[in-house]
Amino acid sequence: MTPAGQPSRHALLPRLIVALASAVALALGLLVVVISPRADAVVPLSPAFDGLARGVDSSSWQHPHGAHVDWHAAAASGQSFAFVKATEGTGPANRYYEADVEAARAAGMAVGSYHKARPAMDPAIQARAFATRVQSVGGEQLPPVLDIETDEGKNPQELIEWTRVFLTELQHLTGRTPIVYTYRFFWIDRMANTTQFSEYPLWLAEYGVPEPTLPVIGGWNEWLFWQNSETGEVPGFTGPVDLNIFAGTREDLGAWMGPVTPGEAPAPAPEAAPAPAPAPEPAPAIARVPDPAPVLDPAPAPVAGGRAEPVTIVVPEGLPAPDGVRLPETVTVPAHMLDQIPPEFR
């Protein structure tokens, strides 16, 4: 997916080294044949790939000076599928996107879309921009693709986290498991050959070989698509185009088609259980007042002198009494009354 005529970043340094070595050798009078480590020439493929579905990927670079792409001619030449660039960074890219998708479909090709990653920008925003444009063309599609082939200054751990956020968000927004597209050497060098994404289908770019190198990168034990050249010649295109192979037949490719619609919302994180209410403080103990004892007739209150018992007094004889009234012989009175009688009268 490198623009036509623009070598990818990972190829620049080796080519520079080869060029310098050639200059030194020529100065010494030696004949040196300069061969790029990333050979652009189309290498004949292993017979093992006979019968597998072939396809292309396209962007605005396939429309130099607004040139038209004849998708019917491409399909008639044996191209079964096409991936069309939809977005780059946080916004749309490739003003030919909608037209190419429609024309490739009309030609009977299976169509998918890809996003060119810009790791210096927010991954979630990029995933949303990509999902929005992919959904705008609707219909049955191949899984959406993340094209990650540049680090933009991020270290491997930062790139790994960026990739995780993008893929997770994209899968949620489209309801599809995305495909990861990358170069072999980029993944090994800039992604530390991480195995954390091996559950996603792989679209491997490796040129100049009759078949992909084994073992496959990043913990993958197989690839779904293989981009074997960026300088292919395909009827309907005015310039070079990327060539790809699907790991199956044209009929097998149909199993990877499906709608690109929002997936189910992720389950909300469980709310934290409320803290248990503090146990109420026990009410202060109230001393139980014993039931009152039955009220009895009060005993006579003690009086000065300590006497409390009633006292019987003998009534003296000869006391005057009203006519017809007979005085009693004795009178019983409370003891305290005696204390109130002057001593001279006791």
Foldseek 3Di string as FASTA:
>chain_A
DPQPPDDAPVQVVQQVVLVVVCVVCVVVVHDDDRAGPQHQDADAADPVQPQFAKAFEDACSLQVVHNFFQLLQQVVVRHAAYEYEAEEALAGGGPCRLVVVVNNVVSNHAYEYEYEYDLVHQLLSNLVRRLVRRCVNWDKHFAYEYEYEDDNPDAQVSVVVSVVNNQVNNCQAFVDRYEYEYEQVCCVPRNVLAQPPQVGAYEYEGEDDNDDDPPGTNVHNDHQKYFHHQFDDGPRTPGGTIMMTGPHHSVVSVVRIDTGGRHDDPDDDDDDDDDDDDDDDDDDDDDDDDDDDDDDDDQADADPVRDRDKDKAADDPPDDDPPPDDDDRIDIGTPVVVVVDPPVVD
